[in-house]
Structures are given as structure tokens and as C-alpha cells.
Amino acid sequence: YERVTYNPIVDYGGWGIKWGSEGKAFNMSGSEGVKLYFY
């Protein structure tokens, strides 16, 4: 896992429960988060 700065619109299509080329995201606002990598 790592701390990331991302572009919500480009990487995930906005805020909310989103799926994108980068995986799934749960986000409300801002552009910072923690990305979890699974096996």
C-alpha cells in the first residue's frame, strides 16, 4: 500500500464509488488517498 496523489476525474471518472483503469476507488473529495495492492 502507498500514499498517492491522483486526478479523480482522469484516473477514475470523478468521485464516489468508481472503477477505472487504475482499479476501484472510494473517494469523496480531494485528490489524496491510500492505494491498496492485492495479490
PDB file of all heavy atoms in Angstrom:
ATOM      1  N   TYR A   1       0.863  -1.183   0.000  1.00  0.00           N
ATOM      2  CA  TYR A   1       0.000   0.000   0.000  1.00  0.00           C
ATOM      3  C   TYR A   1       0.894   1.225   0.000  1.00  0.00           C
ATOM      4  O   TYR A   1       2.046   1.181   0.430  1.00  0.00           O
ATOM      5  CB  TYR A   1      -0.951   0.011   1.204  1.00  0.00           C
ATOM      6  CG  TYR A   1      -0.285  -0.248   2.521  1.00  0.00           C
ATOM      7  CD1 TYR A   1       0.086   0.799   3.351  1.00  0.00           C
ATOM      8  CD2 TYR A   1      -0.022  -1.547   2.933  1.00  0.00           C
ATOM      9  CE1 TYR A   1       0.705   0.564   4.553  1.00  0.00           C
ATOM     10  CE2 TYR A   1       0.603  -1.795   4.140  1.00  0.00           C
ATOM     11  CZ  TYR A   1       0.959  -0.728   4.944  1.00  0.00           C
ATOM     12  OH  TYR A   1       1.574  -0.959   6.136  1.00  0.00           O
ATOM     13  N   GLU A   2       0.343   2.317  -0.543  1.00  0.00           N
ATOM     14  CA  GLU A   2       1.126   3.549  -0.628  1.00  0.00           C
ATOM     15  C   GLU A   2       0.202   4.751  -0.617  1.00  0.00           C
ATOM     16  O   GLU A   2      -0.954   4.676  -1.013  1.00  0.00           O
ATOM     17  CB  GLU A   2       1.984   3.562  -1.892  1.00  0.00           C
ATOM     18  CG  GLU A   2       1.170   3.642  -3.183  1.00  0.00           C
ATOM     19  CD  GLU A   2       2.027   3.741  -4.439  1.00  0.00           C
ATOM     20  OE1 GLU A   2       3.165   4.231  -4.350  1.00  0.00           O
ATOM     21  OE2 GLU A   2       1.527   3.327  -5.497  1.00  0.00           O
ATOM     22  N   ARG A   3       0.762   5.870  -0.177  1.00  0.00           N
ATOM     23  CA  ARG A   3       0.063   7.143  -0.242  1.00  0.00           C
ATOM     24  C   ARG A   3       0.180   7.641  -1.681  1.00  0.00           C
ATOM     25  O   ARG A   3       1.254   7.585  -2.272  1.00  0.00           O
ATOM     26  CB  ARG A   3       0.713   8.140   0.711  1.00  0.00           C
ATOM     27  CG  ARG A   3       0.088   9.497   0.643  1.00  0.00           C
ATOM     28  CD  ARG A   3       0.800  10.479   1.539  1.00  0.00           C
ATOM     29  NE  ARG A   3       0.195  11.788   1.354  1.00  0.00           N
ATOM     30  CZ  ARG A   3       0.528  12.847   2.042  1.00  0.00           C
ATOM     31  NH1 ARG A   3       1.469  12.767   2.953  1.00  0.00           N
ATOM     32  NH2 ARG A   3      -0.063  13.990   1.816  1.00  0.00           N
ATOM     33  N   VAL A   4      -0.944   8.109  -2.240  1.00  0.00           N
ATOM     34  CA  VAL A   4      -0.935   8.575  -3.628  1.00  0.00           C
ATOM     35  C   VAL A   4      -1.650   9.912  -3.752  1.00  0.00           C
ATOM     36  O   VAL A   4      -2.537  10.239  -2.967  1.00  0.00           O
ATOM     37  CB  VAL A   4      -1.597   7.559  -4.598  1.00  0.00           C
ATOM     38  CG1 VAL A   4      -0.809   6.276  -4.686  1.00  0.00           C
ATOM     39  CG2 VAL A   4      -3.034   7.277  -4.212  1.00  0.00           C
ATOM     40  N   THR A   5      -1.206  10.668  -4.742  1.00  0.00           N
ATOM     41  CA  THR A   5      -1.931  11.844  -5.197  1.00  0.00           C
ATOM     42  C   THR A   5      -2.415  11.483  -6.590  1.00  0.00           C
ATOM     43  O   THR A   5      -1.643  11.008  -7.418  1.00  0.00           O
ATOM     44  CB  THR A   5      -1.013  13.077  -5.229  1.00  0.00           C
ATOM     45  OG1 THR A   5      -0.517  13.299  -3.910  1.00  0.00           O
ATOM     46  CG2 THR A   5      -1.777  14.304  -5.693  1.00  0.00           C
ATOM     47  N   TYR A   6      -3.690  11.669  -6.853  1.00  0.00           N
ATOM     48  CA  TYR A   6      -4.285  11.223  -8.109  1.00  0.00           C
ATOM     49  C   TYR A   6      -5.205  12.299  -8.649  1.00  0.00           C
ATOM     50  O   TYR A   6      -5.544  13.255  -7.961  1.00  0.00           O
ATOM     51  CB  TYR A   6      -5.047   9.909  -7.891  1.00  0.00           C
ATOM     52  CG  TYR A   6      -6.214  10.044  -6.939  1.00  0.00           C
ATOM     53  CD1 TYR A   6      -7.518  10.180  -7.415  1.00  0.00           C
ATOM     54  CD2 TYR A   6      -6.033  10.066  -5.562  1.00  0.00           C
ATOM     55  CE1 TYR A   6      -8.582  10.329  -6.551  1.00  0.00           C
ATOM     56  CE2 TYR A   6      -7.091  10.210  -4.689  1.00  0.00           C
ATOM     57  CZ  TYR A   6      -8.359  10.337  -5.192  1.00  0.00           C
ATOM     58  OH  TYR A   6      -9.420  10.490  -4.343  1.00  0.00           O
ATOM     59  N   ASN A   7      -5.614  12.113  -9.889  1.00  0.00           N
ATOM     60  CA  ASN A   7      -6.588  13.004 -10.511  1.00  0.00           C
ATOM     61  C   ASN A   7      -7.919  12.253 -10.544  1.00  0.00           C
ATOM     62  O   ASN A   7      -8.077  11.314 -11.324  1.00  0.00           O
ATOM     63  CB  ASN A   7      -6.138  13.384 -11.922  1.00  0.00           C
ATOM     64  CG  ASN A   7      -7.052  14.392 -12.563  1.00  0.00           C
ATOM     65  OD1 ASN A   7      -8.257  14.394 -12.345  1.00  0.00           O
ATOM     66  ND2 ASN A   7      -6.482  15.261 -13.377  1.00  0.00           N
ATOM     67  N   PRO A   8      -8.877  12.624  -9.702  1.00  0.00           N
ATOM     68  CA  PRO A   8     -10.125  11.864  -9.615  1.00  0.00           C
ATOM     69  C   PRO A   8     -10.868  11.740 -10.938  1.00  0.00           C
ATOM     70  O   PRO A   8     -11.411  10.679 -11.247  1.00  0.00           O
ATOM     71  CB  PRO A   8     -10.968  12.641  -8.609  1.00  0.00           C
ATOM     72  CG  PRO A   8     -10.023  13.508  -7.880  1.00  0.00           C
ATOM     73  CD  PRO A   8      -8.870  13.756  -8.782  1.00  0.00           C
ATOM     74  N   ILE A   9     -10.873  12.793 -11.735  1.00  0.00           N
ATOM     75  CA  ILE A   9     -11.638  12.761 -12.985  1.00  0.00           C
ATOM     76  C   ILE A   9     -10.913  11.944 -14.039  1.00  0.00           C
ATOM     77  O   ILE A   9     -11.512  11.083 -14.694  1.00  0.00           O
ATOM     78  CB  ILE A   9     -11.939  14.192 -13.466  1.00  0.00           C
ATOM     79  CG1 ILE A   9     -12.873  14.858 -12.451  1.00  0.00           C
ATOM     80  CG2 ILE A   9     -12.555  14.187 -14.860  1.00  0.00           C
ATOM     81  CD1 ILE A   9     -13.173  16.290 -12.681  1.00  0.00           C
ATOM     82  N   VAL A  10      -9.622  12.156 -14.211  1.00  0.00           N
ATOM     83  CA  VAL A  10      -8.863  11.438 -15.245  1.00  0.00           C
ATOM     84  C   VAL A  10      -8.689   9.966 -14.881  1.00  0.00           C
ATOM     85  O   VAL A  10      -8.896   9.079 -15.711  1.00  0.00           O
ATOM     86  CB  VAL A  10      -7.489  12.109 -15.475  1.00  0.00           C
ATOM     87  CG1 VAL A  10      -6.616  11.279 -16.394  1.00  0.00           C
ATOM     88  CG2 VAL A  10      -7.667  13.510 -16.037  1.00  0.00           C
ATOM     89  N   ASP A  11      -8.299   9.690 -13.630  1.00  0.00           N
ATOM     90  CA  ASP A  11      -7.985   8.315 -13.240  1.00  0.00           C
ATOM     91  C   ASP A  11      -9.214   7.455 -12.970  1.00  0.00           C
ATOM     92  O   ASP A  11      -9.201   6.251 -13.225  1.00  0.00           O
ATOM     93  CB  ASP A  11      -7.092   8.313 -12.000  1.00  0.00           C
ATOM     94  CG  ASP A  11      -5.739   8.946 -12.247  1.00  0.00           C
ATOM     95  OD1 ASP A  11      -5.307   9.005 -13.420  1.00  0.00           O
ATOM     96  OD2 ASP A  11      -5.105   9.396 -11.267  1.00  0.00           O
ATOM     97  N   TYR A  12     -10.290   8.061 -12.425  1.00  0.00           N
ATOM     98  CA  TYR A  12     -11.450   7.260 -12.018  1.00  0.00           C
ATOM     99  C   TYR A  12     -12.785   7.769 -12.535  1.00  0.00           C
ATOM    100  O   TYR A  12     -13.812   7.156 -12.281  1.00  0.00           O
ATOM    101  CB  TYR A  12     -11.504   7.162 -10.484  1.00  0.00           C
ATOM    102  CG  TYR A  12     -10.325   6.419  -9.929  1.00  0.00           C
ATOM    103  CD1 TYR A  12      -9.223   7.100  -9.425  1.00  0.00           C
ATOM    104  CD2 TYR A  12     -10.288   5.031  -9.933  1.00  0.00           C
ATOM    105  CE1 TYR A  12      -8.122   6.424  -8.932  1.00  0.00           C
ATOM    106  CE2 TYR A  12      -9.198   4.348  -9.448  1.00  0.00           C
ATOM    107  CZ  TYR A  12      -8.115   5.051  -8.950  1.00  0.00           C
ATOM    108  OH  TYR A  12      -7.027   4.371  -8.476  1.00  0.00           O
ATOM    109  N   GLY A  13     -12.810   8.901 -13.201  1.00  0.00           N
ATOM    110  CA  GLY A  13     -14.074   9.422 -13.720  1.00  0.00           C
ATOM    111  C   GLY A  13     -14.860  10.229 -12.711  1.00  0.00           C
ATOM    112  O   GLY A  13     -16.051  10.442 -12.882  1.00  0.00           O
ATOM    113  N   GLY A  14     -14.220  10.683 -11.640  1.00  0.00           N
ATOM    114  CA  GLY A  14     -14.895  11.528 -10.662  1.00  0.00           C
ATOM    115  C   GLY A  14     -14.828  10.970  -9.268  1.00  0.00           C
ATOM    116  O   GLY A  14     -13.959  10.174  -8.937  1.00  0.00           O
ATOM    117  N   TRP A  15     -15.794  11.388  -8.435  1.00  0.00           N
ATOM    118  CA  TRP A  15     -15.829  10.997  -7.028  1.00  0.00           C
ATOM    119  C   TRP A  15     -16.984  10.031  -6.808  1.00  0.00           C
ATOM    120  O   TRP A  15     -17.941  10.005  -7.546  1.00  0.00           O
ATOM    121  CB  TRP A  15     -16.003  12.221  -6.145  1.00  0.00           C
ATOM    122  CG  TRP A  15     -14.825  13.138  -6.195  1.00  0.00           C
ATOM    123  CD1 TRP A  15     -13.731  13.103  -5.378  1.00  0.00           C
ATOM    124  CD2 TRP A  15     -14.600  14.211  -7.101  1.00  0.00           C
ATOM    125  NE1 TRP A  15     -12.841  14.081  -5.731  1.00  0.00           N
ATOM    126  CE2 TRP A  15     -13.349  14.785  -6.781  1.00  0.00           C
ATOM    127  CE3 TRP A  15     -15.316  14.760  -8.164  1.00  0.00           C
ATOM    128  CZ2 TRP A  15     -12.815  15.858  -7.468  1.00  0.00           C
ATOM    129  CZ3 TRP A  15     -14.783  15.827  -8.845  1.00  0.00           C
ATOM    130  CH2 TRP A  15     -13.548  16.370  -8.498  1.00  0.00           C
ATOM    131  N   GLY A  16     -16.886   9.240  -5.771  1.00  0.00           N
ATOM    132  CA  GLY A  16     -17.919   8.260  -5.448  1.00  0.00           C
ATOM    133  C   GLY A  16     -17.312   6.877  -5.391  1.00  0.00           C
ATOM    134  O   GLY A  16     -16.157   6.695  -5.021  1.00  0.00           O
ATOM    135  N   ILE A  17     -18.091   5.895  -5.780  1.00  0.00           N
ATOM    136  CA  ILE A  17     -17.597   4.532  -5.937  1.00  0.00           C
ATOM    137  C   ILE A  17     -17.303   4.403  -7.422  1.00  0.00           C
ATOM    138  O   ILE A  17     -18.222   4.404  -8.242  1.00  0.00           O
ATOM    139  CB  ILE A  17     -18.640   3.489  -5.496  1.00  0.00           C
ATOM    140  CG1 ILE A  17     -19.054   3.721  -4.050  1.00  0.00           C
ATOM    141  CG2 ILE A  17     -18.100   2.077  -5.695  1.00  0.00           C
ATOM    142  CD1 ILE A  17     -20.240   2.895  -3.606  1.00  0.00           C
ATOM    143  N   LYS A  18     -16.045   4.310  -7.774  1.00  0.00           N
ATOM    144  CA  LYS A  18     -15.649   4.377  -9.188  1.00  0.00           C
ATOM    145  C   LYS A  18     -14.748   3.219  -9.574  1.00  0.00           C
ATOM    146  O   LYS A  18     -13.969   2.721  -8.766  1.00  0.00           O
ATOM    147  CB  LYS A  18     -14.909   5.692  -9.470  1.00  0.00           C
ATOM    148  CG  LYS A  18     -15.748   6.921  -9.252  1.00  0.00           C
ATOM    149  CD  LYS A  18     -16.852   6.987 -10.258  1.00  0.00           C
ATOM    150  CE  LYS A  18     -17.651   8.255 -10.139  1.00  0.00           C
ATOM    151  NZ  LYS A  18     -18.602   8.391 -11.193  1.00  0.00           N
ATOM    152  N   TRP A  19     -14.848   2.828 -10.826  1.00  0.00           N
ATOM    153  CA  TRP A  19     -13.958   1.844 -11.409  1.00  0.00           C
ATOM    154  C   TRP A  19     -13.249   2.512 -12.567  1.00  0.00           C
ATOM    155  O   TRP A  19     -13.872   3.228 -13.353  1.00  0.00           O
ATOM    156  CB  TRP A  19     -14.737   0.642 -11.934  1.00  0.00           C
ATOM    157  CG  TRP A  19     -15.353  -0.175 -10.857  1.00  0.00           C
ATOM    158  CD1 TRP A  19     -14.826  -1.288 -10.272  1.00  0.00           C
ATOM    159  CD2 TRP A  19     -16.616   0.032 -10.219  1.00  0.00           C
ATOM    160  NE1 TRP A  19     -15.672  -1.768  -9.307  1.00  0.00           N
ATOM    161  CE2 TRP A  19     -16.775  -0.981  -9.253  1.00  0.00           C
ATOM    162  CE3 TRP A  19     -17.616   0.987 -10.343  1.00  0.00           C
ATOM    163  CZ2 TRP A  19     -17.898  -1.077  -8.435  1.00  0.00           C
ATOM    164  CZ3 TRP A  19     -18.721   0.896  -9.525  1.00  0.00           C
ATOM    165  CH2 TRP A  19     -18.862  -0.135  -8.593  1.00  0.00           C
ATOM    166  N   GLY A  20     -11.959   2.282 -12.674  1.00  0.00           N
ATOM    167  CA  GLY A  20     -11.190   2.866 -13.762  1.00  0.00           C
ATOM    168  C   GLY A  20     -10.058   1.945 -14.154  1.00  0.00           C
ATOM    169  O   GLY A  20      -9.935   0.826 -13.650  1.00  0.00           O
ATOM    170  N   SER A  21      -9.223   2.420 -15.048  1.00  0.00           N
ATOM    171  CA  SER A  21      -8.081   1.615 -15.487  1.00  0.00           C
ATOM    172  C   SER A  21      -7.118   1.370 -14.326  1.00  0.00           C
ATOM    173  O   SER A  21      -6.352   0.416 -14.336  1.00  0.00           O
ATOM    174  CB  SER A  21      -7.355   2.328 -16.628  1.00  0.00           C
ATOM    175  OG  SER A  21      -6.886   3.588 -16.184  1.00  0.00           O
ATOM    176  N   GLU A  22      -7.184   2.225 -13.316  1.00  0.00           N
ATOM    177  CA  GLU A  22      -6.297   2.105 -12.153  1.00  0.00           C
ATOM    178  C   GLU A  22      -6.875   1.167 -11.081  1.00  0.00           C
ATOM    179  O   GLU A  22      -6.256   0.966 -10.048  1.00  0.00           O
ATOM    180  CB  GLU A  22      -6.084   3.485 -11.527  1.00  0.00           C
ATOM    181  CG  GLU A  22      -5.510   4.514 -12.471  1.00  0.00           C
ATOM    182  CD  GLU A  22      -4.049   4.283 -12.753  1.00  0.00           C
ATOM    183  OE1 GLU A  22      -3.319   3.850 -11.848  1.00  0.00           O
ATOM    184  OE2 GLU A  22      -3.636   4.539 -13.888  1.00  0.00           O
ATOM    185  N   GLY A  23      -8.074   0.631 -11.294  1.00  0.00           N
ATOM    186  CA  GLY A  23      -8.725  -0.208 -10.296  1.00  0.00           C
ATOM    187  C   GLY A  23      -9.988   0.461  -9.776  1.00  0.00           C
ATOM    188  O   GLY A  23     -10.594   1.273 -10.452  1.00  0.00           O
ATOM    189  N   LYS A  24     -10.359   0.134  -8.553  1.00  0.00           N
ATOM    190  CA  LYS A  24     -11.569   0.662  -7.934  1.00  0.00           C
ATOM    191  C   LYS A  24     -11.194   1.780  -6.969  1.00  0.00           C
ATOM    192  O   LYS A  24     -10.112   1.774  -6.401  1.00  0.00           O
ATOM    193  CB  LYS A  24     -12.285  -0.462  -7.183  1.00  0.00           C
ATOM    194  CG  LYS A  24     -13.651  -0.116  -6.679  1.00  0.00           C
ATOM    195  CD  LYS A  24     -14.306  -1.359  -6.065  1.00  0.00           C
ATOM    196  CE  LYS A  24     -15.715  -1.067  -5.616  1.00  0.00           C
ATOM    197  NZ  LYS A  24     -16.365  -2.258  -5.056  1.00  0.00           N
ATOM    198  N   ALA A  25     -12.114   2.731  -6.773  1.00  0.00           N
ATOM    199  CA  ALA A  25     -11.865   3.836  -5.846  1.00  0.00           C
ATOM    200  C   ALA A  25     -13.118   4.145  -5.036  1.00  0.00           C
ATOM    201  O   ALA A  25     -14.232   4.084  -5.550  1.00  0.00           O
ATOM    202  CB  ALA A  25     -11.429   5.081  -6.602  1.00  0.00           C
ATOM    203  N   PHE A  26     -12.891   4.457  -3.768  1.00  0.00           N
ATOM    204  CA  PHE A  26     -13.902   5.035  -2.898  1.00  0.00           C
ATOM    205  C   PHE A  26     -13.357   6.406  -2.535  1.00  0.00           C
ATOM    206  O   PHE A  26     -12.352   6.505  -1.820  1.00  0.00           O
ATOM    207  CB  PHE A  26     -14.093   4.231  -1.616  1.00  0.00           C
ATOM    208  CG  PHE A  26     -14.625   2.842  -1.813  1.00  0.00           C
ATOM    209  CD1 PHE A  26     -13.837   1.735  -1.547  1.00  0.00           C
ATOM    210  CD2 PHE A  26     -15.922   2.641  -2.239  1.00  0.00           C
ATOM    211  CE1 PHE A  26     -14.333   0.460  -1.705  1.00  0.00           C
ATOM    212  CE2 PHE A  26     -16.427   1.359  -2.409  1.00  0.00           C
ATOM    213  CZ  PHE A  26     -15.628   0.265  -2.140  1.00  0.00           C
ATOM    214  N   ASN A  27     -13.981   7.469  -3.034  1.00  0.00           N
ATOM    215  CA  ASN A  27     -13.481   8.807  -2.717  1.00  0.00           C
ATOM    216  C   ASN A  27     -14.630   9.803  -2.680  1.00  0.00           C
ATOM    217  O   ASN A  27     -15.633   9.640  -3.347  1.00  0.00           O
ATOM    218  CB  ASN A  27     -12.384   9.241  -3.694  1.00  0.00           C
ATOM    219  CG  ASN A  27     -12.824   9.218  -5.131  1.00  0.00           C
ATOM    220  OD1 ASN A  27     -13.968   8.929  -5.455  1.00  0.00           O
ATOM    221  ND2 ASN A  27     -11.919   9.524  -6.022  1.00  0.00           N
ATOM    222  N   MET A  28     -14.464  10.843  -1.862  1.00  0.00           N
ATOM    223  CA  MET A  28     -15.491  11.861  -1.664  1.00  0.00           C
ATOM    224  C   MET A  28     -15.056  13.219  -2.177  1.00  0.00           C
ATOM    225  O   MET A  28     -15.837  13.924  -2.770  1.00  0.00           O
ATOM    226  CB  MET A  28     -15.787  12.020  -0.180  1.00  0.00           C
ATOM    227  CG  MET A  28     -16.987  11.319   0.333  1.00  0.00           C
ATOM    228  SD  MET A  28     -18.459  11.618  -0.595  1.00  0.00           S
ATOM    229  CE  MET A  28     -19.647  11.203   0.595  1.00  0.00           C
ATOM    230  N   SER A  29     -13.839  13.597  -1.874  1.00  0.00           N
ATOM    231  CA  SER A  29     -13.344  14.897  -2.312  1.00  0.00           C
ATOM    232  C   SER A  29     -11.820  14.881  -2.214  1.00  0.00           C
ATOM    233  O   SER A  29     -11.243  14.018  -1.573  1.00  0.00           O
ATOM    234  CB  SER A  29     -13.926  16.032  -1.460  1.00  0.00           C
ATOM    235  OG  SER A  29     -13.489  15.924  -0.134  1.00  0.00           O
ATOM    236  N   GLY A  30     -11.221  15.840  -2.857  1.00  0.00           N
ATOM    237  CA  GLY A  30      -9.774  15.924  -2.808  1.00  0.00           C
ATOM    238  C   GLY A  30      -9.105  15.011  -3.810  1.00  0.00           C
ATOM    239  O   GLY A  30      -9.750  14.374  -4.643  1.00  0.00           O
ATOM    240  N   SER A  31      -7.784  14.938  -3.721  1.00  0.00           N
ATOM    241  CA  SER A  31      -7.016  14.149  -4.677  1.00  0.00           C
ATOM    242  C   SER A  31      -5.923  13.339  -3.996  1.00  0.00           C
ATOM    243  O   SER A  31      -4.954  12.948  -4.624  1.00  0.00           O
ATOM    244  CB  SER A  31      -6.392  15.081  -5.721  1.00  0.00           C
ATOM    245  OG  SER A  31      -5.534  16.010  -5.077  1.00  0.00           O
ATOM    246  N   GLU A  32      -6.102  13.066  -2.710  1.00  0.00           N
ATOM    247  CA  GLU A  32      -5.126  12.244  -1.992  1.00  0.00           C
ATOM    248  C   GLU A  32      -5.804  11.005  -1.450  1.00  0.00           C
ATOM    249  O   GLU A  32      -6.988  11.009  -1.151  1.00  0.00           O
ATOM    250  CB  GLU A  32      -4.499  13.028  -0.845  1.00  0.00           C
ATOM    251  CG  GLU A  32      -3.590  14.145  -1.310  1.00  0.00           C
ATOM    252  CD  GLU A  32      -2.853  14.765  -0.152  1.00  0.00           C
ATOM    253  OE1 GLU A  32      -3.514  15.427   0.662  1.00  0.00           O
ATOM    254  OE2 GLU A  32      -1.630  14.557  -0.080  1.00  0.00           O
ATOM    255  N   GLY A  33      -5.010   9.948  -1.316  1.00  0.00           N
ATOM    256  CA  GLY A  33      -5.560   8.727  -0.782  1.00  0.00           C
ATOM    257  C   GLY A  33      -4.486   7.701  -0.530  1.00  0.00           C
ATOM    258  O   GLY A  33      -3.292   7.972  -0.675  1.00  0.00           O
ATOM    259  N   VAL A  34      -4.936   6.527  -0.149  1.00  0.00           N
ATOM    260  CA  VAL A  34      -4.050   5.389   0.053  1.00  0.00           C
ATOM    261  C   VAL A  34      -4.508   4.306  -0.903  1.00  0.00           C
ATOM    262  O   VAL A  34      -5.692   3.962  -0.943  1.00  0.00           O
ATOM    263  CB  VAL A  34      -4.098   4.897   1.521  1.00  0.00           C
ATOM    264  CG1 VAL A  34      -3.308   3.617   1.682  1.00  0.00           C
ATOM    265  CG2 VAL A  34      -3.583   5.986   2.454  1.00  0.00           C
ATOM    266  N   LYS A  35      -3.561   3.798  -1.693  1.00  0.00           N
ATOM    267  CA  LYS A  35      -3.871   2.750  -2.666  1.00  0.00           C
ATOM    268  C   LYS A  35      -3.405   1.418  -2.101  1.00  0.00           C
ATOM    269  O   LYS A  35      -2.258   1.278  -1.679  1.00  0.00           O
ATOM    270  CB  LYS A  35      -3.174   3.036  -3.992  1.00  0.00           C
ATOM    271  CG  LYS A  35      -3.650   2.124  -5.112  1.00  0.00           C
ATOM    272  CD  LYS A  35      -2.957   2.455  -6.420  1.00  0.00           C
ATOM    273  CE  LYS A  35      -3.869   3.287  -7.272  1.00  0.00           C
ATOM    274  NZ  LYS A  35      -3.359   3.432  -8.651  1.00  0.00           N
ATOM    275  N   LEU A  36      -4.329   0.461  -2.058  1.00  0.00           N
ATOM    276  CA  LEU A  36      -4.046  -0.881  -1.569  1.00  0.00           C
ATOM    277  C   LEU A  36      -3.832  -1.799  -2.765  1.00  0.00           C
ATOM    278  O   LEU A  36      -4.662  -1.835  -3.683  1.00  0.00           O
ATOM    279  CB  LEU A  36      -5.206  -1.405  -0.727  1.00  0.00           C
ATOM    280  CG  LEU A  36      -5.679  -0.530   0.435  1.00  0.00           C
ATOM    281  CD1 LEU A  36      -6.904  -1.158   1.104  1.00  0.00           C
ATOM    282  CD2 LEU A  36      -4.573  -0.311   1.439  1.00  0.00           C
ATOM    283  N   TYR A  37      -2.747  -2.552  -2.763  1.00  0.00           N
ATOM    284  CA  TYR A  37      -2.439  -3.509  -3.829  1.00  0.00           C
ATOM    285  C   TYR A  37      -2.659  -4.915  -3.277  1.00  0.00           C
ATOM    286  O   TYR A  37      -2.148  -5.254  -2.211  1.00  0.00           O
ATOM    287  CB  TYR A  37      -0.991  -3.356  -4.299  1.00  0.00           C
ATOM    288  CG  TYR A  37      -0.714  -2.009  -4.905  1.00  0.00           C
ATOM    289  CD1 TYR A  37      -0.199  -0.974  -4.125  1.00  0.00           C
ATOM    290  CD2 TYR A  37      -0.967  -1.758  -6.248  1.00  0.00           C
ATOM    291  CE1 TYR A  37       0.057   0.274  -4.673  1.00  0.00           C
ATOM    292  CE2 TYR A  37      -0.714  -0.515  -6.802  1.00  0.00           C
ATOM    293  CZ  TYR A  37      -0.207   0.497  -6.006  1.00  0.00           C
ATOM    294  OH  TYR A  37       0.037   1.738  -6.547  1.00  0.00           O
ATOM    295  N   PHE A  38      -3.398  -5.719  -4.029  1.00  0.00           N
ATOM    296  CA  PHE A  38      -3.748  -7.062  -3.590  1.00  0.00           C
ATOM    297  C   PHE A  38      -2.948  -8.098  -4.370  1.00  0.00           C
ATOM    298  O   PHE A  38      -2.357  -7.808  -5.402  1.00  0.00           O
ATOM    299  CB  PHE A  38      -5.252  -7.314  -3.790  1.00  0.00           C
ATOM    300  CG  PHE A  38      -6.105  -6.355  -3.006  1.00  0.00           C
ATOM    301  CD1 PHE A  38      -6.597  -5.188  -3.585  1.00  0.00           C
ATOM    302  CD2 PHE A  38      -6.406  -6.607  -1.680  1.00  0.00           C
ATOM    303  CE1 PHE A  38      -7.371  -4.298  -2.861  1.00  0.00           C
ATOM    304  CE2 PHE A  38      -7.180  -5.725  -0.951  1.00  0.00           C
ATOM    305  CZ  PHE A  38      -7.663  -4.570  -1.534  1.00  0.00           C
ATOM    306  N   TYR A  39      -2.972  -9.327  -3.892  1.00  0.00           N
ATOM    307  CA  TYR A  39      -2.260 -10.409  -4.566  1.00  0.00           C
ATOM    308  C   TYR A  39      -2.933 -10.830  -5.863  1.00  0.00           C
ATOM    309  O   TYR A  39      -2.270 -11.130  -6.832  1.00  0.00           O
ATOM    310  CB  TYR A  39      -2.138 -11.628  -3.635  1.00  0.00           C
ATOM    311  CG  TYR A  39      -1.191 -11.393  -2.500  1.00  0.00           C
ATOM    312  CD1 TYR A  39      -1.661 -11.141  -1.219  1.00  0.00           C
ATOM    313  CD2 TYR A  39       0.179 -11.401  -2.703  1.00  0.00           C
ATOM    314  CE1 TYR A  39      -0.788 -10.912  -0.173  1.00  0.00           C
ATOM    315  CE2 TYR A  39       1.063 -11.175  -1.666  1.00  0.00           C
ATOM    316  CZ  TYR A  39       0.575 -10.926  -0.407  1.00  0.00           C
ATOM    317  OH  TYR A  39       1.437 -10.689   0.625  1.00  0.00           O
TER     318      TYR A  39
END
